[in-house]
Amino acid sequence: MTFEQFIFDARSVVTVLSFLTFAGIVWWTYIAHRRTDFDAAANLPFADEPAIDTAGEKHV
């Protein structure tokens, strides 16, 4: 096996592994049971804000 052939094979393997990794991340992101986790994470920036009632008073 020549060095050029080894490099070509290595590039092919890395390309396939990169695509499989990308496909795995996309699959993991869009599976149904992760939706609740992502919704909870999306609300984290608002978790430490004080609640405001209709009279405009802040509650801790």
PDB file of N, CA and C in Angstrom:
ATOM      1  N   MET A   1       0.847  -1.173   0.000  1.00  0.00           N
ATOM      2  CA  MET A   1       0.000   0.000   0.000  1.00  0.00           C
ATOM      3  C   MET A   1       0.893   1.236   0.000  1.00  0.00           C
ATOM      4  N   THR A   2       0.641   2.111  -0.904  1.00  0.00           N
ATOM      5  CA  THR A   2       1.426   3.337  -0.988  1.00  0.00           C
ATOM      6  C   THR A   2       0.890   4.369   0.003  1.00  0.00           C
ATOM      7  N   PHE A   3       1.705   5.367   0.250  1.00  0.00           N
ATOM      8  CA  PHE A   3       1.325   6.421   1.176  1.00  0.00           C
ATOM      9  C   PHE A   3       0.116   7.186   0.652  1.00  0.00           C
ATOM     10  N   GLU A   4       0.064   7.425  -0.656  1.00  0.00           N
ATOM     11  CA  GLU A   4      -1.069   8.143  -1.242  1.00  0.00           C
ATOM     12  C   GLU A   4      -2.365   7.359  -1.072  1.00  0.00           C
ATOM     13  N   GLN A   5      -2.292   6.048  -1.237  1.00  0.00           N
ATOM     14  CA  GLN A   5      -3.479   5.207  -1.062  1.00  0.00           C
ATOM     15  C   GLN A   5      -3.941   5.225   0.403  1.00  0.00           C
ATOM     16  N   PHE A   6      -2.977   5.209   1.317  1.00  0.00           N
ATOM     17  CA  PHE A   6      -3.306   5.275   2.740  1.00  0.00           C
ATOM     18  C   PHE A   6      -4.017   6.595   3.068  1.00  0.00           C
ATOM     19  N   ILE A   7      -3.509   7.704   2.538  1.00  0.00           N
ATOM     20  CA  ILE A   7      -4.129   9.002   2.777  1.00  0.00           C
ATOM     21  C   ILE A   7      -5.538   9.039   2.202  1.00  0.00           C
ATOM     22  N   PHE A   8      -5.726   8.501   0.996  1.00  0.00           N
ATOM     23  CA  PHE A   8      -7.046   8.472   0.366  1.00  0.00           C
ATOM     24  C   PHE A   8      -8.013   7.650   1.210  1.00  0.00           C
ATOM     25  N   ASP A   9      -7.576   6.493   1.698  1.00  0.00           N
ATOM     26  CA  ASP A   9      -8.429   5.651   2.538  1.00  0.00           C
ATOM     27  C   ASP A   9      -8.755   6.349   3.855  1.00  0.00           C
ATOM     28  N   ALA A  10      -7.781   7.007   4.449  1.00  0.00           N
ATOM     29  CA  ALA A  10      -8.003   7.710   5.712  1.00  0.00           C
ATOM     30  C   ALA A  10      -9.005   8.847   5.526  1.00  0.00           C
ATOM     31  N   ARG A  11      -8.905   9.558   4.418  1.00  0.00           N
ATOM     32  CA  ARG A  11      -9.860  10.640   4.152  1.00  0.00           C
ATOM     33  C   ARG A  11     -11.268  10.081   3.998  1.00  0.00           C
ATOM     34  N   SER A  12     -11.384   8.963   3.336  1.00  0.00           N
ATOM     35  CA  SER A  12     -12.699   8.348   3.154  1.00  0.00           C
ATOM     36  C   SER A  12     -13.296   7.929   4.496  1.00  0.00           C
ATOM     37  N   VAL A  13     -12.500   7.323   5.341  1.00  0.00           N
ATOM     38  CA  VAL A  13     -12.977   6.873   6.652  1.00  0.00           C
ATOM     39  C   VAL A  13     -13.383   8.076   7.508  1.00  0.00           C
ATOM     40  N   VAL A  14     -12.586   9.123   7.503  1.00  0.00           N
ATOM     41  CA  VAL A  14     -12.904  10.315   8.292  1.00  0.00           C
ATOM     42  C   VAL A  14     -14.177  10.966   7.773  1.00  0.00           C
ATOM     43  N   THR A  15     -14.372  10.986   6.469  1.00  0.00           N
ATOM     44  CA  THR A  15     -15.594  11.558   5.900  1.00  0.00           C
ATOM     45  C   THR A  15     -16.821  10.776   6.346  1.00  0.00           C
ATOM     46  N   VAL A  16     -16.748   9.456   6.285  1.00  0.00           N
ATOM     47  CA  VAL A  16     -17.877   8.621   6.695  1.00  0.00           C
ATOM     48  C   VAL A  16     -18.141   8.783   8.188  1.00  0.00           C
ATOM     49  N   LEU A  17     -17.108   8.782   9.008  1.00  0.00           N
ATOM     50  CA  LEU A  17     -17.286   8.962  10.454  1.00  0.00           C
ATOM     51  C   LEU A  17     -17.859  10.338  10.778  1.00  0.00           C
ATOM     52  N   SER A  18     -17.431  11.365  10.074  1.00  0.00           N
ATOM     53  CA  SER A  18     -17.975  12.708  10.294  1.00  0.00           C
ATOM     54  C   SER A  18     -19.450  12.767   9.940  1.00  0.00           C
ATOM     55  N   PHE A  19     -19.830  12.157   8.835  1.00  0.00           N
ATOM     56  CA  PHE A  19     -21.236  12.150   8.448  1.00  0.00           C
ATOM     57  C   PHE A  19     -22.072  11.377   9.459  1.00  0.00           C
ATOM     58  N   LEU A  20     -21.583  10.239   9.917  1.00  0.00           N
ATOM     59  CA  LEU A  20     -22.324   9.458  10.907  1.00  0.00           C
ATOM     60  C   LEU A  20     -22.466  10.220  12.217  1.00  0.00           C
ATOM     61  N   THR A  21     -21.436  10.944  12.611  1.00  0.00           N
ATOM     62  CA  THR A  21     -21.509  11.768  13.814  1.00  0.00           C
ATOM     63  C   THR A  21     -22.556  12.868  13.646  1.00  0.00           C
ATOM     64  N   PHE A  22     -22.543  13.540  12.502  1.00  0.00           N
ATOM     65  CA  PHE A  22     -23.529  14.574  12.229  1.00  0.00           C
ATOM     66  C   PHE A  22     -24.943  14.002  12.245  1.00  0.00           C
ATOM     67  N   ALA A  23     -25.145  12.859  11.584  1.00  0.00           N
ATOM     68  CA  ALA A  23     -26.467  12.233  11.548  1.00  0.00           C
ATOM     69  C   ALA A  23     -26.907  11.832  12.957  1.00  0.00           C
ATOM     70  N   GLY A  24     -25.983  11.352  13.778  1.00  0.00           N
ATOM     71  CA  GLY A  24     -26.307  10.991  15.151  1.00  0.00           C
ATOM     72  C   GLY A  24     -26.716  12.187  15.980  1.00  0.00           C
ATOM     73  N   ILE A  25     -26.041  13.320  15.797  1.00  0.00           N
ATOM     74  CA  ILE A  25     -26.404  14.529  16.539  1.00  0.00           C
ATOM     75  C   ILE A  25     -27.779  15.019  16.113  1.00  0.00           C
ATOM     76  N   VAL A  26     -28.058  14.999  14.824  1.00  0.00           N
ATOM     77  CA  VAL A  26     -29.377  15.420  14.341  1.00  0.00           C
ATOM     78  C   VAL A  26     -30.456  14.498  14.878  1.00  0.00           C
ATOM     79  N   TRP A  27     -30.210  13.198  14.853  1.00  0.00           N
ATOM     80  CA  TRP A  27     -31.184  12.223  15.371  1.00  0.00           C
ATOM     81  C   TRP A  27     -31.422  12.454  16.858  1.00  0.00           C
ATOM     82  N   TRP A  28     -30.346  12.647  17.633  1.00  0.00           N
ATOM     83  CA  TRP A  28     -30.460  12.860  19.075  1.00  0.00           C
ATOM     84  C   TRP A  28     -31.243  14.128  19.379  1.00  0.00           C
ATOM     85  N   THR A  29     -31.064  15.148  18.552  1.00  0.00           N
ATOM     86  CA  THR A  29     -31.742  16.422  18.770  1.00  0.00           C
ATOM     87  C   THR A  29     -33.242  16.319  18.546  1.00  0.00           C
ATOM     88  N   TYR A  30     -33.653  15.562  17.554  1.00  0.00           N
ATOM     89  CA  TYR A  30     -35.055  15.561  17.157  1.00  0.00           C
ATOM     90  C   TYR A  30     -35.867  14.368  17.653  1.00  0.00           C
ATOM     91  N   ILE A  31     -35.299  13.508  18.488  1.00  0.00           N
ATOM     92  CA  ILE A  31     -36.128  12.423  19.014  1.00  0.00           C
ATOM     93  C   ILE A  31     -37.132  12.995  20.011  1.00  0.00           C
ATOM     94  N   ALA A  32     -38.272  12.363  20.102  1.00  0.00           N
ATOM     95  CA  ALA A  32     -39.418  12.937  20.807  1.00  0.00           C
ATOM     96  C   ALA A  32     -39.183  13.138  22.303  1.00  0.00           C
ATOM     97  N   HIS A  33     -38.552  12.209  22.991  1.00  0.00           N
ATOM     98  CA  HIS A  33     -38.472  12.334  24.446  1.00  0.00           C
ATOM     99  C   HIS A  33     -37.485  13.400  24.900  1.00  0.00           C
ATOM    100  N   ARG A  34     -36.716  14.001  24.025  1.00  0.00           N
ATOM    101  CA  ARG A  34     -35.807  15.076  24.395  1.00  0.00           C
ATOM    102  C   ARG A  34     -36.505  16.434  24.411  1.00  0.00           C
ATOM    103  N   ARG A  35     -37.718  16.523  23.883  1.00  0.00           N
ATOM    104  CA  ARG A  35     -38.412  17.808  23.776  1.00  0.00           C
ATOM    105  C   ARG A  35     -38.608  18.447  25.155  1.00  0.00           C
ATOM    106  N   THR A  36     -38.984  17.659  26.154  1.00  0.00           N
ATOM    107  CA  THR A  36     -39.202  18.223  27.489  1.00  0.00           C
ATOM    108  C   THR A  36     -37.892  18.760  28.080  1.00  0.00           C
ATOM    109  N   ASP A  37     -36.791  18.064  27.819  1.00  0.00           N
ATOM    110  CA  ASP A  37     -35.500  18.547  28.300  1.00  0.00           C
ATOM    111  C   ASP A  37     -35.126  19.879  27.652  1.00  0.00           C
ATOM    112  N   PHE A  38     -35.346  19.986  26.351  1.00  0.00           N
ATOM    113  CA  PHE A  38     -35.023  21.218  25.648  1.00  0.00           C
ATOM    114  C   PHE A  38     -35.952  22.357  26.063  1.00  0.00           C
ATOM    115  N   ASP A  39     -37.225  22.069  26.318  1.00  0.00           N
ATOM    116  CA  ASP A  39     -38.141  23.100  26.790  1.00  0.00           C
ATOM    117  C   ASP A  39     -37.720  23.615  28.165  1.00  0.00           C
ATOM    118  N   ALA A  40     -37.302  22.714  29.029  1.00  0.00           N
ATOM    119  CA  ALA A  40     -36.833  23.121  30.355  1.00  0.00           C
ATOM    120  C   ALA A  40     -35.558  23.951  30.245  1.00  0.00           C
ATOM    121  N   ALA A  41     -34.646  23.564  29.367  1.00  0.00           N
ATOM    122  CA  ALA A  41     -33.406  24.319  29.179  1.00  0.00           C
ATOM    123  C   ALA A  41     -33.682  25.694  28.580  1.00  0.00           C
ATOM    124  N   ALA A  42     -34.684  25.795  27.716  1.00  0.00           N
ATOM    125  CA  ALA A  42     -35.023  27.077  27.104  1.00  0.00           C
ATOM    126  C   ALA A  42     -35.558  28.065  28.132  1.00  0.00           C
ATOM    127  N   ASN A  43     -36.156  27.582  29.199  1.00  0.00           N
ATOM    128  CA  ASN A  43     -36.717  28.458  30.228  1.00  0.00           C
ATOM    129  C   ASN A  43     -35.733  28.781  31.353  1.00  0.00           C
ATOM    130  N   LEU A  44     -34.550  28.219  31.344  1.00  0.00           N
ATOM    131  CA  LEU A  44     -33.572  28.475  32.402  1.00  0.00           C
ATOM    132  C   LEU A  44     -33.193  29.951  32.550  1.00  0.00           C
ATOM    133  N   PRO A  45     -33.056  30.730  31.479  1.00  0.00           N
ATOM    134  CA  PRO A  45     -32.698  32.147  31.682  1.00  0.00           C
ATOM    135  C   PRO A  45     -33.751  32.920  32.473  1.00  0.00           C
ATOM    136  N   PHE A  46     -34.974  32.451  32.505  1.00  0.00           N
ATOM    137  CA  PHE A  46     -36.043  33.150  33.204  1.00  0.00           C
ATOM    138  C   PHE A  46     -36.276  32.611  34.617  1.00  0.00           C
ATOM    139  N   ALA A  47     -35.523  31.619  35.030  1.00  0.00           N
ATOM    140  CA  ALA A  47     -35.765  30.946  36.305  1.00  0.00           C
ATOM    141  C   ALA A  47     -35.496  31.843  37.511  1.00  0.00           C
ATOM    142  N   ASP A  48     -34.552  32.769  37.420  1.00  0.00           N
ATOM    143  CA  ASP A  48     -34.218  33.575  38.590  1.00  0.00           C
ATOM    144  C   ASP A  48     -34.801  34.984  38.540  1.00  0.00           C
ATOM    145  N   GLU A  49     -35.729  35.240  37.629  1.00  0.00           N
ATOM    146  CA  GLU A  49     -36.397  36.531  37.592  1.00  0.00           C
ATOM    147  C   GLU A  49     -37.564  36.520  38.574  1.00  0.00           C
ATOM    148  N   PRO A  50     -37.764  37.603  39.296  1.00  0.00           N
ATOM    149  CA  PRO A  50     -38.893  37.652  40.236  1.00  0.00           C
ATOM    150  C   PRO A  50     -40.223  37.718  39.487  1.00  0.00           C
ATOM    151  N   ALA A  51     -41.224  37.096  40.051  1.00  0.00           N
ATOM    152  CA  ALA A  51     -42.561  37.112  39.448  1.00  0.00           C
ATOM    153  C   ALA A  51     -43.215  38.463  39.698  1.00  0.00           C
ATOM    154  N   ILE A  52     -43.958  38.967  38.723  1.00  0.00           N
ATOM    155  CA  ILE A  52     -44.665  40.237  38.855  1.00  0.00           C
ATOM    156  C   ILE A  52     -46.161  39.960  38.768  1.00  0.00           C
ATOM    157  N   ASP A  53     -46.905  40.384  39.789  1.00  0.00           N
ATOM    158  CA  ASP A  53     -48.350  40.160  39.758  1.00  0.00           C
ATOM    159  C   ASP A  53     -49.036  41.257  38.950  1.00  0.00           C
ATOM    160  N   THR A  54     -50.351  41.191  38.861  1.00  0.00           N
ATOM    161  CA  THR A  54     -51.098  42.132  38.029  1.00  0.00           C
ATOM    162  C   THR A  54     -51.049  43.548  38.569  1.00  0.00           C
ATOM    163  N   ALA A  55     -50.778  43.745  39.853  1.00  0.00           N
ATOM    164  CA  ALA A  55     -50.687  45.089  40.434  1.00  0.00           C
ATOM    165  C   ALA A  55     -49.314  45.707  40.204  1.00  0.00           C
ATOM    166  N   GLY A  56     -48.405  44.974  39.604  1.00  0.00           N
ATOM    167  CA  GLY A  56     -47.083  45.499  39.322  1.00  0.00           C
ATOM    168  C   GLY A  56     -46.079  45.321  40.446  1.00  0.00           C
ATOM    169  N   GLU A  57     -46.443  44.560  41.477  1.00  0.00           N
ATOM    170  CA  GLU A  57     -45.545  44.335  42.599  1.00  0.00           C
ATOM    171  C   GLU A  57     -44.710  43.086  42.336  1.00  0.00           C
ATOM    172  N   LYS A  58     -43.438  43.199  42.703  1.00  0.00           N
ATOM    173  CA  LYS A  58     -42.528  42.069  42.510  1.00  0.00           C
ATOM    174  C   LYS A  58     -42.625  41.121  43.696  1.00  0.00           C
ATOM    175  N   HIS A  59     -42.570  39.825  43.390  1.00  0.00           N
ATOM    176  CA  HIS A  59     -42.549  38.800  44.428  1.00  0.00           C
ATOM    177  C   HIS A  59     -41.302  37.960  44.233  1.00  0.00           C
ATOM    178  N   VAL A  60     -40.631  37.715  45.326  1.00  0.00           N
ATOM    179  CA  VAL A  60     -39.387  36.935  45.249  1.00  0.00           C
ATOM    180  C   VAL A  60     -39.670  35.474  45.327  1.00  0.00           C
TER     181      VAL A  60
END
